[in-house]
Amino acid sequence: MTAQKHEEPASGAVQHPWHRFVALGDSFTEGVGDPEPENQGGLRGWADRVAEELSVGQPGFAYANLAIRGQRLREILDQQVGPALAAKPDLVTLSAGGNDIVFRRSDPDKLAEKIDAGVEQLARSGATVVLFAGPDWGATPVFGQIRGKVAIFNENLHIVAARHNAVMVDLWCLRDLTKPGMWDPDRLHFSPLGHHTIAIGVLEALAVPHSLEPLRPKALPPRSWKEARAEDLAWAREYLVPWAIRQVRHPAAVPLAPKRPQPGPVFGHGRFPAGHPAGLPAELLSLKAGPLPVKKA
C-alpha cells in the first residue's frame, strides 16, 4: 500500500460511495498524540483527517467518532458497536485489541474470535468495514517483547477481513511508521505525522482520491549507545513507571465520552459549529462529548 499524491477532487464531484462514516476504537482512533485545540475533544487524529477528505464534494456527509482511550476489545464491542449501528453508517472503521495485547498480554487467537463476531455484526448492516493490522513495535523497548503476539493477531485479522469482505489497512507494512518521528514521546501513540501517514493509508486502501501529500520525519542525528540508553531510561521513568503504578493501584475509573458521538458535517478540521443539532437515534443521545485530557495511557 504505497501512498501517492492526488489532486484535490473538484468541488461537487462524487469520488466515493460513502456518506455516513463512524469510527470505533480506542486512543488510536480517538487521535491521542495529535492535539488540536479547536476540535471536539481537543484531538484530531487519522480518523478526522480521513473524514475531512471524504467530505469533499459530498453534500450531507456525516462523521462520528465513538472511540474512547483505554478501552479493551470487549468494551469496544459492548459499548460502541450498538450506537454505531444505530447511526446507520455506510462506512465503519474498527481498531480494537491493542490494549488487550499491549497491557494485558491477552491471547491473540481468542481476541480474533471476539473481533470476528463484532465484524460480522457490522458487515451484516451493509456498511463497508475497515480493519487495521497493528504496527511493528520491534524497535521499541518493552513493547518490542510483544512483537510476536502482534504479528499473530495481525494474521488473524487478515483472515477475519477476508471472511467478511472487509478492507484491511496494514500498519505493519507501512514501514515509515517505524521511524521515531511518527510516534508521540510516550512511544505508544502516534504523533501528528504518524496520524497523517495513517490517514493516507486508509484513503489509499479505500481507493479514494485525496489531497494529502506524503510527509517524511526529519532524520535524527547519530546517537551513541549511551545516549540511546539514556533516552530509554528517561522514557521508562516518565511514561512506563507511572503507567505500571496506575495498573497496580487500580484507581477508580473516570468515565470518558467519545469526542464526536453524533454524526454530523465536517467543518474545517472536523469542527462542529456552536450549538450544532446533529439529530440522533435515542441510543446515541446519552453519549455526550466533552473536552478530554490529551495525555492518558
C-alpha atoms as a PDB file:
ATOM      1  CA  MET A   1       0.000   0.000   0.000  1.00  0.00           C
ATOM      2  CA  THR A   2       2.013   2.924  -1.319  1.00  0.00           C
ATOM      3  CA  ALA A   3       0.884   6.476  -0.637  1.00  0.00           C
ATOM      4  CA  GLN A   4       0.540   8.580  -3.760  1.00  0.00           C
ATOM      5  CA  LYS A   5      -0.145  12.252  -4.275  1.00  0.00           C
ATOM      6  CA  HIS A   6      -3.642  13.049  -5.501  1.00  0.00           C
ATOM      7  CA  GLU A   7      -5.118  16.260  -6.757  1.00  0.00           C
ATOM      8  CA  GLU A   8      -7.914  17.595  -4.611  1.00  0.00           C
ATOM      9  CA  PRO A   9     -11.278  16.495  -6.056  1.00  0.00           C
ATOM     10  CA  ALA A  10     -13.220  19.151  -7.903  1.00  0.00           C
ATOM     11  CA  SER A  11     -15.985  20.781  -5.898  1.00  0.00           C
ATOM     12  CA  GLY A  12     -19.245  18.885  -6.213  1.00  0.00           C
ATOM     13  CA  ALA A  13     -17.644  15.788  -7.754  1.00  0.00           C
ATOM     14  CA  VAL A  14     -18.648  12.441  -6.260  1.00  0.00           C
ATOM     15  CA  GLN A  15     -15.438  10.479  -5.656  1.00  0.00           C
ATOM     16  CA  HIS A  16     -16.700   7.613  -3.471  1.00  0.00           C
ATOM     17  CA  PRO A  17     -19.980   5.964  -2.402  1.00  0.00           C
ATOM     18  CA  TRP A  18     -19.930   6.781   1.337  1.00  0.00           C
ATOM     19  CA  HIS A  19     -21.997   9.419   3.075  1.00  0.00           C
ATOM     20  CA  ARG A  20     -22.011   8.371   6.760  1.00  0.00           C
ATOM     21  CA  PHE A  21     -18.768   7.405   8.464  1.00  0.00           C
ATOM     22  CA  VAL A  22     -18.456   6.101  12.043  1.00  0.00           C
ATOM     23  CA  ALA A  23     -15.081   5.325  13.651  1.00  0.00           C
ATOM     24  CA  LEU A  24     -14.803   2.815  16.517  1.00  0.00           C
ATOM     25  CA  GLY A  25     -11.857   2.002  18.758  1.00  0.00           C
ATOM     26  CA  ASP A  26      -9.508   3.256  21.462  1.00  0.00           C
ATOM     27  CA  SER A  27      -6.905   6.033  21.737  1.00  0.00           C
ATOM     28  CA  PHE A  28      -5.530   5.192  18.279  1.00  0.00           C
ATOM     29  CA  THR A  29      -8.833   6.151  16.639  1.00  0.00           C
ATOM     30  CA  GLU A  30      -9.645   8.916  19.123  1.00  0.00           C
ATOM     31  CA  GLY A  31      -6.494  10.703  17.948  1.00  0.00           C
ATOM     32  CA  VAL A  32      -4.335  10.732  21.081  1.00  0.00           C
ATOM     33  CA  GLY A  33      -0.905  12.104  20.173  1.00  0.00           C
ATOM     34  CA  ASP A  34      -2.352  14.568  17.657  1.00  0.00           C
ATOM     35  CA  PRO A  35      -3.625  17.539  19.705  1.00  0.00           C
ATOM     36  CA  GLU A  36      -5.909  20.081  18.045  1.00  0.00           C
ATOM     37  CA  PRO A  37      -7.492  22.569  20.485  1.00  0.00           C
ATOM     38  CA  GLU A  38     -10.177  23.648  18.001  1.00  0.00           C
ATOM     39  CA  ASN A  39     -11.504  20.106  17.549  1.00  0.00           C
ATOM     40  CA  GLN A  40     -14.091  18.456  19.726  1.00  0.00           C
ATOM     41  CA  GLY A  41     -12.189  16.670  22.491  1.00  0.00           C
ATOM     42  CA  GLY A  42      -9.026  18.636  21.706  1.00  0.00           C
ATOM     43  CA  LEU A  43      -7.694  15.964  19.342  1.00  0.00           C
ATOM     44  CA  ARG A  44      -7.560  15.446  15.584  1.00  0.00           C
ATOM     45  CA  GLY A  45      -6.044  12.095  14.527  1.00  0.00           C
ATOM     46  CA  TRP A  46      -6.177   9.973  11.401  1.00  0.00           C
ATOM     47  CA  ALA A  47      -9.958   9.412  11.512  1.00  0.00           C
ATOM     48  CA  ASP A  48     -10.713  13.158  11.481  1.00  0.00           C
ATOM     49  CA  ARG A  49      -8.258  13.596   8.619  1.00  0.00           C
ATOM     50  CA  VAL A  50      -9.947  10.808   6.654  1.00  0.00           C
ATOM     51  CA  ALA A  51     -13.375  12.332   7.313  1.00  0.00           C
ATOM     52  CA  GLU A  52     -12.150  15.695   6.075  1.00  0.00           C
ATOM     53  CA  GLU A  53     -11.105  14.156   2.771  1.00  0.00           C
ATOM     54  CA  LEU A  54     -14.217  12.005   2.405  1.00  0.00           C
ATOM     55  CA  SER A  55     -16.455  15.036   2.934  1.00  0.00           C
ATOM     56  CA  VAL A  56     -15.037  16.920  -0.076  1.00  0.00           C
ATOM     57  CA  GLY A  57     -17.686  17.129  -2.782  1.00  0.00           C
ATOM     58  CA  GLN A  58     -20.137  15.109  -0.685  1.00  0.00           C
ATOM     59  CA  PRO A  59     -23.063  17.275   0.469  1.00  0.00           C
ATOM     60  CA  GLY A  60     -24.658  15.819   3.569  1.00  0.00           C
ATOM     61  CA  PHE A  61     -21.605  13.777   4.539  1.00  0.00           C
ATOM     62  CA  ALA A  62     -21.696  12.915   8.272  1.00  0.00           C
ATOM     63  CA  TYR A  63     -18.979  11.663  10.609  1.00  0.00           C
ATOM     64  CA  ALA A  64     -18.990  10.327  14.175  1.00  0.00           C
ATOM     65  CA  ASN A  65     -16.066   9.119  16.282  1.00  0.00           C
ATOM     66  CA  LEU A  66     -17.078   6.864  19.185  1.00  0.00           C
ATOM     67  CA  ALA A  67     -13.534   5.799  20.145  1.00  0.00           C
ATOM     68  CA  ILE A  68     -12.522   6.062  23.800  1.00  0.00           C
ATOM     69  CA  ARG A  69      -8.951   5.780  25.003  1.00  0.00           C
ATOM     70  CA  GLY A  70      -8.020   2.829  27.175  1.00  0.00           C
ATOM     71  CA  GLN A  71     -10.944   0.646  26.155  1.00  0.00           C
ATOM     72  CA  ARG A  72     -10.298  -3.035  25.617  1.00  0.00           C
ATOM     73  CA  LEU A  73     -11.825  -5.141  22.872  1.00  0.00           C
ATOM     74  CA  ARG A  74     -14.815  -6.333  24.897  1.00  0.00           C
ATOM     75  CA  GLU A  75     -15.663  -2.775  25.980  1.00  0.00           C
ATOM     76  CA  ILE A  76     -15.467  -1.518  22.410  1.00  0.00           C
ATOM     77  CA  LEU A  77     -17.735  -4.280  21.144  1.00  0.00           C
ATOM     78  CA  ASP A  78     -20.210  -3.920  24.010  1.00  0.00           C
ATOM     79  CA  GLN A  79     -20.342  -0.124  24.161  1.00  0.00           C
ATOM     80  CA  GLN A  80     -19.612   1.151  20.665  1.00  0.00           C
ATOM     81  CA  VAL A  81     -21.000  -1.300  18.106  1.00  0.00           C
ATOM     82  CA  GLY A  82     -24.650  -0.802  19.098  1.00  0.00           C
ATOM     83  CA  PRO A  83     -24.544   3.018  18.954  1.00  0.00           C
ATOM     84  CA  ALA A  84     -22.608   2.803  15.685  1.00  0.00           C
ATOM     85  CA  LEU A  85     -25.254   0.614  14.063  1.00  0.00           C
ATOM     86  CA  ALA A  86     -27.972   2.925  15.387  1.00  0.00           C
ATOM     87  CA  ALA A  87     -26.331   5.744  13.435  1.00  0.00           C
ATOM     88  CA  LYS A  88     -26.838   3.724  10.204  1.00  0.00           C
ATOM     89  CA  PRO A  89     -23.349   4.238   8.742  1.00  0.00           C
ATOM     90  CA  ASP A  90     -22.294   3.071   5.298  1.00  0.00           C
ATOM     91  CA  LEU A  91     -18.606   3.143   6.320  1.00  0.00           C
ATOM     92  CA  VAL A  92     -17.226   1.873   9.653  1.00  0.00           C
ATOM     93  CA  THR A  93     -13.630   1.658  10.858  1.00  0.00           C
ATOM     94  CA  LEU A  94     -12.792  -0.670  13.735  1.00  0.00           C
ATOM     95  CA  SER A  95      -9.459  -0.841  15.545  1.00  0.00           C
ATOM     96  CA  ALA A  96      -9.551  -2.876  18.745  1.00  0.00           C
ATOM     97  CA  GLY A  97      -7.484  -5.342  20.730  1.00  0.00           C
ATOM     98  CA  GLY A  98      -4.312  -3.275  21.042  1.00  0.00           C
ATOM     99  CA  ASN A  99      -4.827  -2.504  24.725  1.00  0.00           C
ATOM    100  CA  ASP A 100      -5.547  -6.192  25.397  1.00  0.00           C
ATOM    101  CA  ILE A 101      -2.266  -7.300  23.828  1.00  0.00           C
ATOM    102  CA  VAL A 102      -0.029  -4.450  24.995  1.00  0.00           C
ATOM    103  CA  PHE A 103      -1.213  -4.137  28.583  1.00  0.00           C
ATOM    104  CA  ARG A 104      -2.902  -7.452  29.381  1.00  0.00           C
ATOM    105  CA  ARG A 105      -0.822  -9.892  27.305  1.00  0.00           C
ATOM    106  CA  SER A 106      -4.073 -11.423  26.055  1.00  0.00           C
ATOM    107  CA  ASP A 107      -4.227 -14.440  23.748  1.00  0.00           C
ATOM    108  CA  PRO A 108      -4.283 -13.095  20.132  1.00  0.00           C
ATOM    109  CA  ASP A 109      -6.260 -16.105  18.887  1.00  0.00           C
ATOM    110  CA  LYS A 110      -9.031 -15.608  21.439  1.00  0.00           C
ATOM    111  CA  LEU A 111      -9.109 -11.890  20.686  1.00  0.00           C
ATOM    112  CA  ALA A 112      -9.536 -12.673  16.998  1.00  0.00           C
ATOM    113  CA  GLU A 113     -12.560 -14.863  17.751  1.00  0.00           C
ATOM    114  CA  LYS A 114     -14.210 -11.976  19.592  1.00  0.00           C
ATOM    115  CA  ILE A 115     -13.445  -9.388  16.946  1.00  0.00           C
ATOM    116  CA  ASP A 116     -14.722 -11.750  14.241  1.00  0.00           C
ATOM    117  CA  ALA A 117     -18.172 -11.717  15.857  1.00  0.00           C
ATOM    118  CA  GLY A 118     -18.137  -7.906  16.015  1.00  0.00           C
ATOM    119  CA  VAL A 119     -17.082  -7.541  12.403  1.00  0.00           C
ATOM    120  CA  GLU A 120     -19.806  -9.963  11.337  1.00  0.00           C
ATOM    121  CA  GLN A 121     -22.398  -7.797  13.082  1.00  0.00           C
ATOM    122  CA  LEU A 122     -21.093  -4.624  11.445  1.00  0.00           C
ATOM    123  CA  ALA A 123     -20.789  -6.183   7.996  1.00  0.00           C
ATOM    124  CA  ARG A 124     -24.309  -7.589   8.217  1.00  0.00           C
ATOM    125  CA  SER A 125     -25.609  -3.995   8.308  1.00  0.00           C
ATOM    126  CA  GLY A 126     -24.351  -3.491   4.758  1.00  0.00           C
ATOM    127  CA  ALA A 127     -21.680  -0.967   5.758  1.00  0.00           C
ATOM    128  CA  THR A 128     -18.149  -1.162   4.396  1.00  0.00           C
ATOM    129  CA  VAL A 129     -15.933  -2.254   7.305  1.00  0.00           C
ATOM    130  CA  VAL A 130     -12.285  -1.202   7.627  1.00  0.00           C
ATOM    131  CA  LEU A 131      -9.894  -3.106   9.922  1.00  0.00           C
ATOM    132  CA  PHE A 132      -6.317  -2.380  10.984  1.00  0.00           C
ATOM    133  CA  ALA A 133      -3.357  -4.713  11.364  1.00  0.00           C
ATOM    134  CA  GLY A 134      -1.146  -3.366  14.162  1.00  0.00           C
ATOM    135  CA  PRO A 135       2.194  -1.587  13.695  1.00  0.00           C
ATOM    136  CA  ASP A 136       5.614  -3.136  14.201  1.00  0.00           C
ATOM    137  CA  TRP A 137       6.899  -2.271  17.689  1.00  0.00           C
ATOM    138  CA  GLY A 138      10.052  -4.313  17.167  1.00  0.00           C
ATOM    139  CA  ALA A 139      12.478  -1.472  17.859  1.00  0.00           C
ATOM    140  CA  THR A 140      10.650  -0.237  20.970  1.00  0.00           C
ATOM    141  CA  PRO A 141      11.909  -1.252  24.435  1.00  0.00           C
ATOM    142  CA  VAL A 142       9.377  -3.316  26.437  1.00  0.00           C
ATOM    143  CA  PHE A 143       6.728  -3.232  23.716  1.00  0.00           C
ATOM    144  CA  GLY A 144       9.116  -4.994  21.347  1.00  0.00           C
ATOM    145  CA  GLN A 145       8.661  -8.069  23.570  1.00  0.00           C
ATOM    146  CA  ILE A 146       5.076  -8.493  22.332  1.00  0.00           C
ATOM    147  CA  ARG A 147       6.037  -8.275  18.660  1.00  0.00           C
ATOM    148  CA  GLY A 148       5.220 -11.942  18.104  1.00  0.00           C
ATOM    149  CA  LYS A 149       1.736 -11.615  19.594  1.00  0.00           C
ATOM    150  CA  VAL A 150       1.017  -8.552  17.475  1.00  0.00           C
ATOM    151  CA  ALA A 151       2.103 -10.466  14.364  1.00  0.00           C
ATOM    152  CA  ILE A 152      -0.180 -13.410  15.209  1.00  0.00           C
ATOM    153  CA  PHE A 153      -3.103 -11.081  15.886  1.00  0.00           C
ATOM    154  CA  ASN A 154      -2.454  -9.334  12.569  1.00  0.00           C
ATOM    155  CA  GLU A 155      -2.561 -12.614  10.651  1.00  0.00           C
ATOM    156  CA  ASN A 156      -5.847 -13.468  12.336  1.00  0.00           C
ATOM    157  CA  LEU A 157      -7.233 -10.062  11.375  1.00  0.00           C
ATOM    158  CA  HIS A 158      -6.379 -10.672   7.728  1.00  0.00           C
ATOM    159  CA  ILE A 159      -8.452 -13.856   7.907  1.00  0.00           C
ATOM    160  CA  VAL A 160     -11.342 -12.005   9.562  1.00  0.00           C
ATOM    161  CA  ALA A 161     -11.204  -9.297   6.903  1.00  0.00           C
ATOM    162  CA  ALA A 162     -11.258 -11.855   4.086  1.00  0.00           C
ATOM    163  CA  ARG A 163     -14.165 -13.728   5.672  1.00  0.00           C
ATOM    164  CA  HIS A 164     -16.339 -10.618   5.893  1.00  0.00           C
ATOM    165  CA  ASN A 165     -15.082  -8.794   2.790  1.00  0.00           C
ATOM    166  CA  ALA A 166     -13.667  -6.006   4.949  1.00  0.00           C
ATOM    167  CA  VAL A 167     -10.982  -3.540   3.867  1.00  0.00           C
ATOM    168  CA  MET A 168      -7.646  -4.083   5.582  1.00  0.00           C
ATOM    169  CA  VAL A 169      -5.199  -1.284   6.407  1.00  0.00           C
ATOM    170  CA  ASP A 170      -1.922  -2.999   7.271  1.00  0.00           C
ATOM    171  CA  LEU A 171       0.071  -0.687   9.548  1.00  0.00           C
ATOM    172  CA  TRP A 172       2.818  -3.312   9.850  1.00  0.00           C
ATOM    173  CA  CYS A 173       3.514  -2.845   6.133  1.00  0.00           C
ATOM    174  CA  LEU A 174       3.673   0.949   6.437  1.00  0.00           C
ATOM    175  CA  ARG A 175       7.389   0.906   7.206  1.00  0.00           C
ATOM    176  CA  ASP A 176       7.558   4.684   7.587  1.00  0.00           C
ATOM    177  CA  LEU A 177       5.711   4.136  10.871  1.00  0.00           C
ATOM    178  CA  THR A 178       8.832   2.525  12.329  1.00  0.00           C
ATOM    179  CA  LYS A 179      10.606   5.915  12.277  1.00  0.00           C
ATOM    180  CA  PRO A 180      10.806   7.757  15.620  1.00  0.00           C
ATOM    181  CA  GLY A 181       9.217  10.923  14.209  1.00  0.00           C
ATOM    182  CA  MET A 182       5.984   9.028  13.600  1.00  0.00           C
ATOM    183  CA  TRP A 183       5.477   8.441  17.335  1.00  0.00           C
ATOM    184  CA  ASP A 184       4.489  10.523  20.326  1.00  0.00           C
ATOM    185  CA  PRO A 185       7.169  10.820  23.054  1.00  0.00           C
ATOM    186  CA  ASP A 186       5.293   8.130  25.034  1.00  0.00           C
ATOM    187  CA  ARG A 187       6.208   5.648  22.232  1.00  0.00           C
ATOM    188  CA  LEU A 188       2.712   4.207  22.430  1.00  0.00           C
ATOM    189  CA  HIS A 189       0.621   6.706  20.462  1.00  0.00           C
ATOM    190  CA  PHE A 190       1.302   8.202  17.065  1.00  0.00           C
ATOM    191  CA  SER A 191       2.471  11.769  16.518  1.00  0.00           C
ATOM    192  CA  PRO A 192       0.632  14.187  14.178  1.00  0.00           C
ATOM    193  CA  LEU A 193       2.960  12.997  11.413  1.00  0.00           C
ATOM    194  CA  GLY A 194       2.075   9.381  12.188  1.00  0.00           C
ATOM    195  CA  HIS A 195      -1.666  10.109  12.132  1.00  0.00           C
ATOM    196  CA  HIS A 196      -1.229  11.941   8.810  1.00  0.00           C
ATOM    197  CA  THR A 197       0.590   8.928   7.339  1.00  0.00           C
ATOM    198  CA  ILE A 198      -2.103   6.539   8.572  1.00  0.00           C
ATOM    199  CA  ALA A 199      -4.848   8.734   7.089  1.00  0.00           C
ATOM    200  CA  ILE A 200      -3.157   8.420   3.708  1.00  0.00           C
ATOM    201  CA  GLY A 201      -3.004   4.644   4.184  1.00  0.00           C
ATOM    202  CA  VAL A 202      -6.728   4.453   4.923  1.00  0.00           C
ATOM    203  CA  LEU A 203      -7.682   6.591   1.919  1.00  0.00           C
ATOM    204  CA  GLU A 204      -5.421   4.530  -0.334  1.00  0.00           C
ATOM    205  CA  ALA A 205      -6.963   1.301   0.944  1.00  0.00           C
ATOM    206  CA  LEU A 206     -10.406   2.721   0.133  1.00  0.00           C
ATOM    207  CA  ALA A 207      -9.157   3.877  -3.306  1.00  0.00           C
ATOM    208  CA  VAL A 208     -10.377   7.416  -2.590  1.00  0.00           C
ATOM    209  CA  PRO A 209      -8.719  10.377  -4.369  1.00  0.00           C
ATOM    210  CA  HIS A 210      -7.374  12.814  -1.802  1.00  0.00           C
ATOM    211  CA  SER A 211      -5.242  15.910  -1.297  1.00  0.00           C
ATOM    212  CA  LEU A 212      -2.879  14.577   1.410  1.00  0.00           C
ATOM    213  CA  GLU A 213       0.787  14.563   0.475  1.00  0.00           C
ATOM    214  CA  PRO A 214       3.243  12.045   1.935  1.00  0.00           C
ATOM    215  CA  LEU A 215       5.461  13.608   4.593  1.00  0.00           C
ATOM    216  CA  ARG A 216       8.761  12.395   5.969  1.00  0.00           C
ATOM    217  CA  PRO A 217      10.069  12.937   9.507  1.00  0.00           C
ATOM    218  CA  LYS A 218      13.344  14.770   9.847  1.00  0.00           C
ATOM    219  CA  ALA A 219      16.275  12.400  10.210  1.00  0.00           C
ATOM    220  CA  LEU A 220      17.650  12.181  13.736  1.00  0.00           C
ATOM    221  CA  PRO A 221      21.340  12.903  14.343  1.00  0.00           C
ATOM    222  CA  PRO A 222      23.555   9.895  15.086  1.00  0.00           C
ATOM    223  CA  ARG A 223      23.464   8.768  18.711  1.00  0.00           C
ATOM    224  CA  SER A 224      25.900   6.778  20.769  1.00  0.00           C
ATOM    225  CA  TRP A 225      24.799   3.663  22.643  1.00  0.00           C
ATOM    226  CA  LYS A 226      24.988   5.609  25.909  1.00  0.00           C
ATOM    227  CA  GLU A 227      22.761   8.384  24.546  1.00  0.00           C
ATOM    228  CA  ALA A 228      20.186   5.900  23.274  1.00  0.00           C
ATOM    229  CA  ARG A 229      20.252   4.093  26.613  1.00  0.00           C
ATOM    230  CA  ALA A 230      19.771   7.373  28.482  1.00  0.00           C
ATOM    231  CA  GLU A 231      16.732   8.179  26.309  1.00  0.00           C
ATOM    232  CA  ASP A 232      15.249   4.744  27.033  1.00  0.00           C
ATOM    233  CA  LEU A 233      15.714   5.244  30.769  1.00  0.00           C
ATOM    234  CA  ALA A 234      14.147   8.707  30.620  1.00  0.00           C
ATOM    235  CA  TRP A 235      11.164   7.278  28.706  1.00  0.00           C
ATOM    236  CA  ALA A 236      10.740   4.496  31.273  1.00  0.00           C
ATOM    237  CA  ARG A 237      10.870   6.993  34.147  1.00  0.00           C
ATOM    238  CA  GLU A 238       8.406   9.442  32.564  1.00  0.00           C
ATOM    239  CA  TYR A 239       5.938   7.071  30.925  1.00  0.00           C
ATOM    240  CA  LEU A 240       6.421   3.375  31.712  1.00  0.00           C
ATOM    241  CA  VAL A 241       6.815   3.502  35.515  1.00  0.00           C
ATOM    242  CA  PRO A 242       3.802   5.821  36.095  1.00  0.00           C
ATOM    243  CA  TRP A 243       1.692   3.542  33.916  1.00  0.00           C
ATOM    244  CA  ALA A 244       2.790   0.443  35.876  1.00  0.00           C
ATOM    245  CA  ILE A 245       1.953   2.158  39.188  1.00  0.00           C
ATOM    246  CA  ARG A 246      -1.529   3.023  37.910  1.00  0.00           C
ATOM    247  CA  GLN A 247      -2.083  -0.617  36.987  1.00  0.00           C
ATOM    248  CA  VAL A 248      -1.104  -1.792  40.490  1.00  0.00           C
ATOM    249  CA  ARG A 249      -3.176   0.779  42.364  1.00  0.00           C
ATOM    250  CA  HIS A 250      -6.264   0.300  40.175  1.00  0.00           C
ATOM    251  CA  PRO A 251      -7.598   3.831  40.694  1.00  0.00           C
ATOM    252  CA  ALA A 252     -11.318   4.437  40.326  1.00  0.00           C
ATOM    253  CA  ALA A 253     -12.089   4.746  36.647  1.00  0.00           C
ATOM    254  CA  VAL A 254     -13.119   8.183  35.401  1.00  0.00           C
ATOM    255  CA  PRO A 255     -15.835   7.732  32.755  1.00  0.00           C
ATOM    256  CA  LEU A 256     -14.799   9.130  29.393  1.00  0.00           C
ATOM    257  CA  ALA A 257     -17.043  10.066  26.488  1.00  0.00           C
ATOM    258  CA  PRO A 258     -16.415   9.868  22.738  1.00  0.00           C
ATOM    259  CA  LYS A 259     -15.306  13.142  21.198  1.00  0.00           C
ATOM    260  CA  ARG A 260     -17.821  13.057  18.321  1.00  0.00           C
ATOM    261  CA  PRO A 261     -20.788  10.943  19.460  1.00  0.00           C
ATOM    262  CA  GLN A 262     -23.181  12.477  16.957  1.00  0.00           C
ATOM    263  CA  PRO A 263     -22.805  12.017  13.194  1.00  0.00           C
ATOM    264  CA  GLY A 264     -22.531  15.459  11.711  1.00  0.00           C
ATOM    265  CA  PRO A 265     -20.874  17.517   8.987  1.00  0.00           C
ATOM    266  CA  VAL A 266     -17.135  18.086   8.867  1.00  0.00           C
ATOM    267  CA  PHE A 267     -16.134  21.726   9.222  1.00  0.00           C
ATOM    268  CA  GLY A 268     -12.506  22.600   8.576  1.00  0.00           C
ATOM    269  CA  HIS A 269     -10.531  20.312  10.879  1.00  0.00           C
ATOM    270  CA  GLY A 270     -13.602  18.406  11.944  1.00  0.00           C
ATOM    271  CA  ARG A 271     -15.155  21.266  13.912  1.00  0.00           C
ATOM    272  CA  PHE A 272     -18.849  21.497  14.674  1.00  0.00           C
ATOM    273  CA  PRO A 273     -20.442  24.945  14.596  1.00  0.00           C
ATOM    274  CA  ALA A 274     -21.553  26.177  18.014  1.00  0.00           C
ATOM    275  CA  GLY A 275     -24.801  24.531  19.073  1.00  0.00           C
ATOM    276  CA  HIS A 276     -24.934  22.218  16.049  1.00  0.00           C
ATOM    277  CA  PRO A 277     -28.059  19.982  16.407  1.00  0.00           C
ATOM    278  CA  ALA A 278     -26.967  16.707  14.804  1.00  0.00           C
ATOM    279  CA  GLY A 279     -30.057  14.557  15.221  1.00  0.00           C
ATOM    280  CA  LEU A 280     -29.525  11.041  16.505  1.00  0.00           C
ATOM    281  CA  PRO A 281     -31.434   7.930  17.471  1.00  0.00           C
ATOM    282  CA  ALA A 282     -32.136   7.686  21.202  1.00  0.00           C
ATOM    283  CA  GLU A 283     -29.302   5.152  21.631  1.00  0.00           C
ATOM    284  CA  LEU A 284     -26.761   7.890  20.893  1.00  0.00           C
ATOM    285  CA  LEU A 285     -28.281  10.816  22.739  1.00  0.00           C
ATOM    286  CA  SER A 286     -26.853   9.613  26.059  1.00  0.00           C
ATOM    287  CA  LEU A 287     -23.277   9.854  24.728  1.00  0.00           C
ATOM    288  CA  LYS A 288     -22.229  13.436  25.340  1.00  0.00           C
ATOM    289  CA  ALA A 289     -18.965  14.778  24.044  1.00  0.00           C
ATOM    290  CA  GLY A 290     -16.728  16.912  26.182  1.00  0.00           C
ATOM    291  CA  PRO A 291     -13.141  18.087  26.449  1.00  0.00           C
ATOM    292  CA  LEU A 292     -10.793  15.231  27.251  1.00  0.00           C
ATOM    293  CA  PRO A 293      -7.235  15.408  28.536  1.00  0.00           C
ATOM    294  CA  VAL A 294      -4.733  14.690  25.783  1.00  0.00           C
ATOM    295  CA  LYS A 295      -2.329  12.562  27.821  1.00  0.00           C
ATOM    296  CA  LYS A 296      -3.551   9.337  29.319  1.00  0.00           C
ATOM    297  CA  ALA A 297      -2.466   5.771  28.566  1.00  0.00           C
END
